[in-house]
Amino acid sequence: MALNEALEQQNPEVILSLLEELIQRGNALEIALCNRHPDELKMLLDFIKWKIQDYRYQNVLVQVLRFVVDAYSGVIGQGLEPEIDHAVMVELRGILESEVQVAESLTSLKGQIDMVLKMQ
């Protein structure tokens, strides 16, 4: 499968291009991500953990992560695959919470800068 090969090569640009293409093709992302072996799913989640903090990758990776969580919601958190549960429920959740805090701080800072610029 092309996605597995791209993930094994760990070339972020190739992986992102492939994911973007799958998203644009309608249900191709669903076909590519459903019924994946736990090791394949872990490889995808590891890539998401690695690159989700990079603003260039965030839009696509958030879409992919949302799909993974939706598609595997019956399995994630059930203890069937502890590594995947930990990757999603602990690691990715922590990363996303951190990103939300950064975004909130930047929004606050932007508001403060706007206020100072308006005073001049």
C-alpha atoms as a PDB file:
ATOM      1  CA  MET A   1       0.000   0.000   0.000  1.00  0.00           C
ATOM      2  CA  ALA A   2       1.340   3.418  -0.969  1.00  0.00           C
ATOM      3  CA  LEU A   3       0.616   5.019   2.400  1.00  0.00           C
ATOM      4  CA  ASN A   4       2.570   2.344   4.260  1.00  0.00           C
ATOM      5  CA  GLU A   5       5.539   2.746   1.937  1.00  0.00           C
ATOM      6  CA  ALA A   6       5.486   6.520   2.344  1.00  0.00           C
ATOM      7  CA  LEU A   7       5.270   6.212   6.133  1.00  0.00           C
ATOM      8  CA  GLU A   8       8.191   3.764   6.167  1.00  0.00           C
ATOM      9  CA  GLN A   9      10.333   6.208   4.179  1.00  0.00           C
ATOM     10  CA  GLN A  10       9.414   9.003   6.632  1.00  0.00           C
ATOM     11  CA  ASN A  11       9.470  11.708   3.982  1.00  0.00           C
ATOM     12  CA  PRO A  12       6.975  14.258   5.364  1.00  0.00           C
ATOM     13  CA  GLU A  13       6.348  15.983   2.037  1.00  0.00           C
ATOM     14  CA  VAL A  14       5.509  12.720   0.273  1.00  0.00           C
ATOM     15  CA  ILE A  15       3.248  11.581   3.114  1.00  0.00           C
ATOM     16  CA  LEU A  16       1.458  14.911   3.246  1.00  0.00           C
ATOM     17  CA  SER A  17       0.961  14.961  -0.525  1.00  0.00           C
ATOM     18  CA  LEU A  18      -0.448  11.457  -0.421  1.00  0.00           C
ATOM     19  CA  LEU A  19      -2.816  12.297   2.447  1.00  0.00           C
ATOM     20  CA  GLU A  20      -3.972  15.471   0.668  1.00  0.00           C
ATOM     21  CA  GLU A  21      -4.681  13.474  -2.471  1.00  0.00           C
ATOM     22  CA  LEU A  22      -6.644  10.871  -0.497  1.00  0.00           C
ATOM     23  CA  ILE A  23      -8.703  13.623   1.153  1.00  0.00           C
ATOM     24  CA  GLN A  24      -9.496  15.225  -2.205  1.00  0.00           C
ATOM     25  CA  ARG A  25     -10.661  11.940  -3.710  1.00  0.00           C
ATOM     26  CA  GLY A  26     -13.719  11.700  -1.474  1.00  0.00           C
ATOM     27  CA  ASN A  27     -13.873   8.329   0.228  1.00  0.00           C
ATOM     28  CA  ALA A  28     -10.288   7.365  -0.686  1.00  0.00           C
ATOM     29  CA  LEU A  29      -9.084   8.376   2.792  1.00  0.00           C
ATOM     30  CA  GLU A  30     -11.721   6.122   4.324  1.00  0.00           C
ATOM     31  CA  ILE A  31     -10.658   3.212   2.117  1.00  0.00           C
ATOM     32  CA  ALA A  32      -6.964   3.786   2.880  1.00  0.00           C
ATOM     33  CA  LEU A  33      -7.393   4.064   6.651  1.00  0.00           C
ATOM     34  CA  CYS A  34     -10.115   1.570   7.532  1.00  0.00           C
ATOM     35  CA  ASN A  35      -9.249  -1.960   8.656  1.00  0.00           C
ATOM     36  CA  ARG A  36      -5.578  -1.182   9.087  1.00  0.00           C
ATOM     37  CA  HIS A  37      -3.381  -3.521  11.070  1.00  0.00           C
ATOM     38  CA  PRO A  38      -2.553  -2.031  14.493  1.00  0.00           C
ATOM     39  CA  ASP A  39       1.128  -1.691  13.499  1.00  0.00           C
ATOM     40  CA  GLU A  40       0.144   0.293  10.394  1.00  0.00           C
ATOM     41  CA  LEU A  41      -2.185   2.481  12.411  1.00  0.00           C
ATOM     42  CA  LYS A  42       0.554   3.070  14.996  1.00  0.00           C
ATOM     43  CA  MET A  43       2.935   4.111  12.214  1.00  0.00           C
ATOM     44  CA  LEU A  44       0.389   6.685  10.996  1.00  0.00           C
ATOM     45  CA  LEU A  45      -0.243   7.954  14.530  1.00  0.00           C
ATOM     46  CA  ASP A  46       3.509   8.256  15.128  1.00  0.00           C
ATOM     47  CA  PHE A  47       3.792  10.413  12.009  1.00  0.00           C
ATOM     48  CA  ILE A  48       0.898  12.576  13.177  1.00  0.00           C
ATOM     49  CA  LYS A  49       2.535  12.987  16.607  1.00  0.00           C
ATOM     50  CA  TRP A  50       5.820  13.889  14.923  1.00  0.00           C
ATOM     51  CA  LYS A  51       4.449  16.533  12.537  1.00  0.00           C
ATOM     52  CA  ILE A  52       1.173  17.891  13.920  1.00  0.00           C
ATOM     53  CA  GLN A  53       2.928  20.791  15.630  1.00  0.00           C
ATOM     54  CA  ASP A  54       4.308  21.976  12.289  1.00  0.00           C
ATOM     55  CA  TYR A  55       1.855  24.566  10.959  1.00  0.00           C
ATOM     56  CA  ARG A  56       2.488  23.410   7.372  1.00  0.00           C
ATOM     57  CA  TYR A  57       1.031  19.999   8.172  1.00  0.00           C
ATOM     58  CA  GLN A  58      -1.653  20.834  10.737  1.00  0.00           C
ATOM     59  CA  ASN A  59      -4.717  21.235   8.513  1.00  0.00           C
ATOM     60  CA  VAL A  60      -4.273  17.904   6.783  1.00  0.00           C
ATOM     61  CA  LEU A  61      -3.155  15.997   9.858  1.00  0.00           C
ATOM     62  CA  VAL A  62      -6.054  17.267  11.955  1.00  0.00           C
ATOM     63  CA  GLN A  63      -8.450  16.029   9.248  1.00  0.00           C
ATOM     64  CA  VAL A  64      -6.730  12.648   9.173  1.00  0.00           C
ATOM     65  CA  LEU A  65      -6.678  12.399  12.962  1.00  0.00           C
ATOM     66  CA  ARG A  66     -10.375  13.268  13.160  1.00  0.00           C
ATOM     67  CA  PHE A  67     -11.122  10.524  10.667  1.00  0.00           C
ATOM     68  CA  VAL A  68      -8.973   7.980  12.549  1.00  0.00           C
ATOM     69  CA  VAL A  69     -10.672   8.814  15.851  1.00  0.00           C
ATOM     70  CA  ASP A  70     -14.121   8.570  14.236  1.00  0.00           C
ATOM     71  CA  ALA A  71     -13.355   5.354  12.368  1.00  0.00           C
ATOM     72  CA  TYR A  72     -11.726   3.623  15.323  1.00  0.00           C
ATOM     73  CA  SER A  73     -13.854   5.087  18.115  1.00  0.00           C
ATOM     74  CA  GLY A  74     -15.188   1.643  18.971  1.00  0.00           C
ATOM     75  CA  VAL A  75     -11.658   0.332  19.498  1.00  0.00           C
ATOM     76  CA  ILE A  76      -9.703   3.279  20.907  1.00  0.00           C
ATOM     77  CA  GLY A  77      -9.840   3.331  24.678  1.00  0.00           C
ATOM     78  CA  GLN A  78     -11.079  -0.246  25.003  1.00  0.00           C
ATOM     79  CA  GLY A  79      -7.667  -1.615  25.945  1.00  0.00           C
ATOM     80  CA  LEU A  80      -7.434  -3.878  22.899  1.00  0.00           C
ATOM     81  CA  GLU A  81      -4.339  -2.100  21.567  1.00  0.00           C
ATOM     82  CA  PRO A  82      -2.616  -0.362  24.513  1.00  0.00           C
ATOM     83  CA  GLU A  83       0.011   1.347  22.320  1.00  0.00           C
ATOM     84  CA  ILE A  84      -2.654   2.923  20.109  1.00  0.00           C
ATOM     85  CA  ASP A  85      -4.764   3.886  23.117  1.00  0.00           C
ATOM     86  CA  HIS A  86      -1.756   5.592  24.695  1.00  0.00           C
ATOM     87  CA  ALA A  87      -0.772   7.306  21.429  1.00  0.00           C
ATOM     88  CA  VAL A  88      -4.240   8.776  20.929  1.00  0.00           C
ATOM     89  CA  MET A  89      -5.567   9.288  24.438  1.00  0.00           C
ATOM     90  CA  VAL A  90      -2.404  10.485  26.148  1.00  0.00           C
ATOM     91  CA  GLU A  91       0.271  11.614  23.725  1.00  0.00           C
ATOM     92  CA  LEU A  92      -1.808  13.200  20.953  1.00  0.00           C
ATOM     93  CA  ARG A  93      -4.242  14.672  23.440  1.00  0.00           C
ATOM     94  CA  GLY A  94      -1.345  16.318  25.272  1.00  0.00           C
ATOM     95  CA  ILE A  95       0.122  17.655  22.037  1.00  0.00           C
ATOM     96  CA  LEU A  96      -3.228  19.048  20.920  1.00  0.00           C
ATOM     97  CA  GLU A  97      -3.904  20.649  24.308  1.00  0.00           C
ATOM     98  CA  SER A  98      -0.481  22.296  24.127  1.00  0.00           C
ATOM     99  CA  GLU A  99      -1.209  23.580  20.615  1.00  0.00           C
ATOM    100  CA  VAL A 100      -4.533  25.028  21.782  1.00  0.00           C
ATOM    101  CA  GLN A 101      -2.744  26.859  24.605  1.00  0.00           C
ATOM    102  CA  VAL A 102      -0.196  28.255  22.159  1.00  0.00           C
ATOM    103  CA  ALA A 103      -2.972  29.415  19.829  1.00  0.00           C
ATOM    104  CA  GLU A 104      -4.812  31.083  22.716  1.00  0.00           C
ATOM    105  CA  SER A 105      -1.619  32.833  23.829  1.00  0.00           C
ATOM    106  CA  LEU A 106      -0.921  34.044  20.302  1.00  0.00           C
ATOM    107  CA  THR A 107      -4.473  35.319  19.949  1.00  0.00           C
ATOM    108  CA  SER A 108      -4.152  37.204  23.222  1.00  0.00           C
ATOM    109  CA  LEU A 109      -0.794  38.628  22.157  1.00  0.00           C
ATOM    110  CA  LYS A 110      -2.231  39.703  18.810  1.00  0.00           C
ATOM    111  CA  GLY A 111      -5.020  41.521  20.644  1.00  0.00           C
ATOM    112  CA  GLN A 112      -2.491  43.300  22.850  1.00  0.00           C
ATOM    113  CA  ILE A 113      -0.387  44.309  19.850  1.00  0.00           C
ATOM    114  CA  ASP A 114      -3.483  45.587  18.012  1.00  0.00           C
ATOM    115  CA  MET A 115      -4.399  47.663  21.058  1.00  0.00           C
ATOM    116  CA  VAL A 116      -0.914  49.202  21.272  1.00  0.00           C
ATOM    117  CA  LEU A 117      -0.900  49.984  17.545  1.00  0.00           C
ATOM    118  CA  LYS A 118      -4.310  51.675  17.775  1.00  0.00           C
ATOM    119  CA  MET A 119      -3.038  53.903  20.610  1.00  0.00           C
ATOM    120  CA  GLN A 120      -0.339  55.399  18.400  1.00  0.00           C
END
